[in-house]
Amino acid sequence: MVTIPKIRRALFAAMMTTAAAVMAGDAELDREMRLAAMIGDTETVDALLDQGANINSASEFGKTALMTAVEGGNLDTVSALLARGADVNARTVAGCTALTFAAENGHYGITAMLIERGAHVHDRTRAGWDALMISARYGLTEIVEQLLYRGADPKAADKHGRTALMQAAAKGHAEVVELLAKHGADIDGRDEEGATALIIAADQGQKQVVETLLALGAKVDARDELGDTALMWAASQGHVEIVNALLEHGADPTLQDNEGLSAADLARRSGNLEAIESMGPP
């Protein structure tokens, strides 16, 4: 004889099986929608949404259809997803947003559209990067200018204390450095190691950036936490043209770091004899 409790358990099991099947079906629709968005197939995206796909569903890494469409540079698909209610400020597991993806990939039109639809220009990734820092790092001048116009903070820093200007300086984007400085970026700001943009550029051999910063009035003898100046870094790395540029702007070759070493000492230790010659006799 079948008891009522057994019937209830059987009904519950059937309901759970049905629910699982529905959920599996929905998950497949969601996955297909994200793939369609990635390749810019707007027609398929619309059809899958009409069938019940969740517009804000995310992959295991937290990436939504809007984000995949942005990464692919698919403006029409991005527009369609936003029109149907995609969350413009959704975040991935790493804290990335559609706007940070657009900034990284240089999609000027998409960036403009996302901001117009309410994207937060100050949102940061888990590493502390906002869209301005990312676009500055990649030298995307138009996007940097766009973000500054929309209120992005040129003085904001990532978790290591590096600003958008420092990111641009490290990668040699002199035009972006100048643009950020004109919009209020601190040219003598310091990261967690005490390095300024000038020190970073000198270390990385970015001559044009060094010259731009010097023209903007950067402190030529600023020191980092090791006591090193831009001249010391340039000399130790053998960047002779930068050594000369710094000296022409008044860099002091007699200064010593925390270990009592001068720029010439550091150049000598690194075997950069040409840099030593640029600084003249001891």
Protein backbone atom coordinates (compact mmCIF):
# COMPACT_ATOMS: atom_id res chain seq x y z
CA MET A 1 0.00 0.00 0.00
CA VAL A 2 1.32 3.44 -0.98
CA THR A 3 1.17 5.86 1.93
CA ILE A 4 0.56 9.60 1.72
CA PRO A 5 4.12 10.46 2.86
CA LYS A 6 5.51 8.32 0.04
CA ILE A 7 3.26 10.07 -2.49
CA ARG A 8 4.41 13.42 -1.18
CA ARG A 9 8.06 12.42 -1.47
CA ALA A 10 7.50 11.19 -5.02
CA LEU A 11 5.76 14.41 -5.98
CA PHE A 12 8.54 16.46 -4.41
CA ALA A 13 11.19 14.45 -6.27
CA ALA A 14 9.32 14.95 -9.55
CA MET A 15 9.03 18.67 -8.91
CA MET A 16 12.73 18.93 -8.14
CA THR A 17 13.63 16.99 -11.28
CA THR A 18 11.45 19.29 -13.38
CA ALA A 19 12.92 22.39 -11.74
CA ALA A 20 16.45 21.14 -12.35
CA ALA A 21 15.64 20.51 -15.99
CA VAL A 22 14.18 24.01 -16.34
CA MET A 23 17.19 25.54 -14.64
CA ALA A 24 19.55 23.60 -16.89
CA GLY A 25 17.62 24.82 -19.91
CA ASP A 26 17.74 28.40 -18.69
CA ALA A 27 21.47 28.14 -18.03
CA GLU A 28 22.03 26.94 -21.60
CA LEU A 29 19.97 29.83 -22.97
CA ASP A 30 22.02 32.24 -20.90
CA ARG A 31 25.30 30.74 -22.10
CA GLU A 32 24.19 30.89 -25.74
CA MET A 33 23.14 34.51 -25.29
CA ARG A 34 26.56 35.49 -23.91
CA LEU A 35 28.28 33.73 -26.82
CA ALA A 36 26.01 35.48 -29.33
CA ALA A 37 26.79 38.83 -27.69
CA MET A 38 30.50 38.12 -27.90
CA ILE A 39 30.36 37.71 -31.70
CA GLY A 40 27.93 40.59 -32.19
CA ASP A 41 24.95 38.46 -33.26
CA THR A 42 22.29 40.89 -32.06
CA GLU A 43 19.43 39.04 -33.75
CA THR A 44 20.22 35.84 -31.85
CA VAL A 45 20.66 37.76 -28.60
CA ASP A 46 17.17 39.25 -29.00
CA ALA A 47 15.68 35.86 -29.86
CA LEU A 48 17.23 34.18 -26.82
CA LEU A 49 16.04 36.97 -24.55
CA ASP A 50 12.54 36.50 -25.97
CA GLN A 51 12.82 32.80 -25.08
CA GLY A 52 13.59 33.66 -21.47
CA ALA A 53 17.35 34.09 -21.24
CA ASN A 54 18.43 36.23 -18.29
CA ILE A 55 20.02 39.40 -19.67
CA ASN A 56 22.20 39.83 -16.58
CA SER A 57 23.25 36.20 -16.19
CA ALA A 58 26.98 35.79 -15.72
CA SER A 59 29.64 33.20 -16.40
CA GLU A 60 31.59 31.55 -13.59
CA PHE A 61 33.92 34.54 -13.71
CA GLY A 62 31.05 37.00 -13.44
CA LYS A 63 31.12 38.14 -17.05
CA THR A 64 27.76 39.19 -18.50
CA ALA A 65 26.53 39.40 -22.09
CA LEU A 66 27.02 43.16 -22.03
CA MET A 67 30.67 42.70 -21.04
CA THR A 68 31.32 40.15 -23.79
CA ALA A 69 29.70 42.44 -26.35
CA VAL A 70 31.88 45.33 -25.12
CA GLU A 71 35.04 43.23 -25.34
CA GLY A 72 34.15 42.30 -28.89
CA GLY A 73 33.59 45.93 -29.82
CA ASN A 74 30.04 45.14 -30.91
CA LEU A 75 28.36 48.54 -30.65
CA ASP A 76 24.96 47.45 -32.00
CA THR A 77 24.77 44.52 -29.59
CA VAL A 78 25.82 46.72 -26.67
CA SER A 79 23.08 49.19 -27.61
CA ALA A 80 20.47 46.43 -27.87
CA LEU A 81 21.41 44.93 -24.49
CA LEU A 82 21.29 48.31 -22.78
CA ALA A 83 17.90 49.02 -24.36
CA ARG A 84 16.59 45.77 -22.90
CA GLY A 85 17.81 46.50 -19.39
CA ALA A 86 21.32 45.11 -19.07
CA ASP A 87 23.01 46.17 -15.85
CA VAL A 88 25.62 48.69 -16.99
CA ASN A 89 27.45 48.53 -13.65
CA ALA A 90 27.58 44.77 -13.11
CA ARG A 91 30.96 43.48 -11.92
CA THR A 92 33.00 40.38 -12.59
CA VAL A 93 34.68 38.34 -9.87
CA ALA A 94 37.76 40.54 -10.39
CA GLY A 95 35.70 43.72 -10.07
CA CYS A 96 35.78 44.60 -13.77
CA THR A 97 32.84 46.41 -15.34
CA ALA A 98 31.66 46.96 -18.88
CA LEU A 99 33.30 50.39 -18.73
CA THR A 100 36.71 49.06 -17.67
CA PHE A 101 36.55 46.51 -20.49
CA ALA A 102 35.69 49.28 -22.96
CA ALA A 103 38.54 51.43 -21.67
CA GLU A 104 41.01 48.55 -21.96
CA ASN A 105 40.00 47.72 -25.51
CA GLY A 106 39.90 51.29 -26.80
CA HIS A 107 36.24 51.37 -27.78
CA TYR A 108 35.55 55.11 -27.77
CA GLY A 109 31.96 54.92 -29.01
CA ILE A 110 31.05 52.15 -26.59
CA THR A 111 32.65 54.02 -23.69
CA ALA A 112 30.55 57.07 -24.52
CA MET A 113 27.39 54.97 -24.69
CA LEU A 114 28.06 53.23 -21.37
CA ILE A 115 28.70 56.53 -19.60
CA GLU A 116 25.55 57.99 -21.13
CA ARG A 117 23.60 55.04 -19.73
CA GLY A 118 24.94 55.58 -16.22
CA ALA A 119 28.23 53.68 -16.02
CA HIS A 120 30.18 54.67 -12.90
CA VAL A 121 33.47 56.25 -13.97
CA HIS A 122 34.92 55.81 -10.46
CA ASP A 123 34.30 52.05 -10.14
CA ARG A 124 37.51 50.07 -9.68
CA THR A 125 38.72 46.57 -10.32
CA ARG A 126 40.05 44.38 -7.54
CA ALA A 127 43.52 45.74 -8.34
CA GLY A 128 42.24 49.24 -7.68
CA TRP A 129 42.21 50.33 -11.33
CA ASP A 130 39.46 52.55 -12.69
CA ALA A 131 38.71 53.15 -16.36
CA LEU A 132 40.92 56.25 -16.43
CA MET A 133 43.97 54.37 -15.17
CA ILE A 134 43.40 51.59 -17.67
CA SER A 135 42.96 53.87 -20.69
CA ALA A 136 45.97 55.96 -19.61
CA ARG A 137 48.13 52.84 -19.36
CA TYR A 138 47.24 51.91 -22.93
CA GLY A 139 47.71 55.45 -24.23
CA LEU A 140 44.10 55.85 -25.35
CA THR A 141 44.08 59.64 -25.43
CA GLU A 142 40.51 60.09 -26.69
CA ILE A 143 39.07 57.84 -24.00
CA VAL A 144 41.19 59.51 -21.31
CA GLU A 145 39.86 62.88 -22.42
CA GLN A 146 36.31 61.56 -22.51
CA LEU A 147 36.54 60.14 -18.99
CA LEU A 148 38.06 63.34 -17.62
CA TYR A 149 35.22 65.33 -19.16
CA ARG A 150 32.76 62.98 -17.45
CA GLY A 151 34.32 63.52 -14.04
CA ALA A 152 36.97 60.82 -13.67
CA ASP A 153 39.47 61.66 -10.92
CA PRO A 154 43.03 62.17 -12.26
CA LYS A 155 44.38 62.03 -8.70
CA ALA A 156 42.93 58.62 -7.88
CA ALA A 157 45.47 55.85 -7.25
CA ASP A 158 45.41 52.05 -7.36
CA LYS A 159 46.24 49.82 -4.40
CA HIS A 160 49.94 50.42 -5.01
CA GLY A 161 49.51 54.18 -5.03
CA ARG A 162 49.94 54.55 -8.78
CA THR A 163 47.83 57.13 -10.57
CA ALA A 164 46.70 57.28 -14.19
CA LEU A 165 49.57 59.69 -14.86
CA MET A 166 52.09 57.20 -13.47
CA GLN A 167 50.58 54.42 -15.58
CA ALA A 168 50.94 56.58 -18.69
CA ALA A 169 54.47 57.63 -17.72
CA ALA A 170 55.61 54.02 -17.28
CA LYS A 171 54.39 53.09 -20.76
CA GLY A 172 55.72 56.15 -22.55
CA HIS A 173 52.47 57.94 -23.38
CA ALA A 174 53.64 61.56 -23.22
CA GLU A 175 50.47 62.99 -24.76
CA VAL A 176 48.35 61.34 -22.10
CA VAL A 177 50.72 62.53 -19.37
CA GLU A 178 50.34 66.12 -20.56
CA LEU A 179 46.56 65.79 -20.82
CA LEU A 180 46.24 64.42 -17.29
CA ALA A 181 48.51 67.13 -15.91
CA LYS A 182 46.36 69.81 -17.52
CA HIS A 183 43.31 68.30 -15.82
CA GLY A 184 44.79 68.43 -12.33
CA ALA A 185 46.88 65.27 -11.99
CA ASP A 186 49.66 65.64 -9.42
CA ILE A 187 52.88 65.41 -11.44
CA ASP A 188 54.91 65.00 -8.24
CA GLY A 189 52.58 62.50 -6.57
CA ARG A 190 54.18 59.36 -5.15
CA ASP A 191 53.34 55.67 -5.22
CA GLU A 192 53.75 53.28 -2.28
CA GLU A 193 57.50 53.12 -2.91
CA GLY A 194 57.85 56.90 -3.01
CA ALA A 195 58.41 57.04 -6.76
CA THR A 196 57.14 59.98 -8.78
CA ALA A 197 56.10 59.84 -12.43
CA LEU A 198 59.48 61.31 -13.37
CA ILE A 199 61.34 58.59 -11.48
CA ILE A 200 59.16 55.91 -13.07
CA ALA A 201 59.69 57.28 -16.57
CA ALA A 202 63.45 57.63 -16.06
CA ASP A 203 63.71 54.06 -14.82
CA GLN A 204 61.71 52.75 -17.78
CA GLY A 205 63.69 54.73 -20.34
CA GLN A 206 60.75 56.86 -21.46
CA LYS A 207 62.68 59.89 -22.75
CA GLN A 208 59.71 61.75 -24.23
CA VAL A 209 57.75 61.43 -21.01
CA VAL A 210 60.75 62.60 -18.99
CA GLU A 211 61.04 65.68 -21.19
CA THR A 212 57.30 66.33 -20.93
CA LEU A 213 57.34 66.10 -17.15
CA LEU A 214 60.37 68.35 -16.88
CA ALA A 215 58.65 70.91 -19.11
CA LEU A 216 55.62 70.72 -16.81
CA GLY A 217 57.81 71.52 -13.82
CA ALA A 218 58.27 68.13 -12.19
CA LYS A 219 60.76 68.12 -9.31
CA VAL A 220 63.96 66.90 -10.91
CA ASP A 221 65.64 65.75 -7.69
CA ALA A 222 62.64 64.12 -5.99
CA ARG A 223 63.67 60.94 -4.13
CA ASP A 224 61.91 57.63 -3.62
CA GLU A 225 62.03 55.60 -0.40
CA LEU A 226 65.46 54.23 -1.34
CA GLY A 227 66.73 57.77 -1.63
CA ASP A 228 67.10 57.42 -5.38
CA THR A 229 66.40 60.25 -7.82
CA ALA A 230 65.34 60.06 -11.46
CA LEU A 231 68.99 60.67 -12.41
CA MET A 232 70.14 57.72 -10.32
CA TRP A 233 67.60 55.41 -11.92
CA ALA A 234 68.42 56.59 -15.43
CA ALA A 235 72.16 56.24 -14.81
CA SER A 236 71.86 52.77 -13.30
CA GLN A 237 69.79 51.60 -16.28
CA GLY A 238 72.12 53.18 -18.82
CA HIS A 239 69.56 55.58 -20.28
CA VAL A 240 72.14 58.12 -21.39
CA GLU A 241 69.80 60.49 -23.24
CA ILE A 242 67.62 60.73 -20.16
CA VAL A 243 70.67 61.32 -17.97
CA ASN A 244 71.60 64.22 -20.23
CA ALA A 245 68.08 65.64 -20.23
CA LEU A 246 67.92 65.53 -16.43
CA LEU A 247 71.31 67.16 -16.08
CA GLU A 248 70.25 69.91 -18.48
CA HIS A 249 67.29 70.59 -16.21
CA GLY A 250 69.46 70.90 -13.13
CA ALA A 251 69.56 67.39 -11.70
CA ASP A 252 72.24 67.17 -9.00
CA PRO A 253 74.75 64.38 -9.76
CA THR A 254 76.35 64.69 -6.30
CA LEU A 255 73.29 63.49 -4.41
CA GLN A 256 73.54 60.09 -2.73
CA ASP A 257 70.93 57.42 -2.01
CA ASN A 258 70.30 55.74 1.34
CA GLU A 259 73.38 53.56 0.83
CA GLY A 260 75.61 56.55 0.11
CA LEU A 261 75.80 55.90 -3.62
CA SER A 262 75.65 58.65 -6.25
CA ALA A 263 74.25 58.37 -9.77
CA ALA A 264 77.78 57.76 -11.07
CA ASP A 265 78.34 55.03 -8.46
CA LEU A 266 75.14 53.29 -9.52
CA ALA A 267 76.07 53.58 -13.19
CA ARG A 268 79.51 52.18 -12.45
CA ARG A 269 78.06 49.27 -10.50
CA SER A 270 75.79 48.49 -13.45
CA GLY A 271 78.59 48.80 -15.98
CA ASN A 272 77.04 51.76 -17.77
CA LEU A 273 80.21 53.68 -18.56
CA GLU A 274 78.61 56.04 -21.07
CA ALA A 275 76.26 57.30 -18.38
CA ILE A 276 79.24 57.98 -16.11
CA GLU A 277 80.93 59.99 -18.85
CA SER A 278 77.80 62.12 -19.26
CA MET A 279 78.04 63.18 -15.66
CA GLY A 280 81.67 64.26 -15.97
CA PRO A 281 84.56 63.64 -13.55
CA PRO A 282 83.76 62.77 -9.91
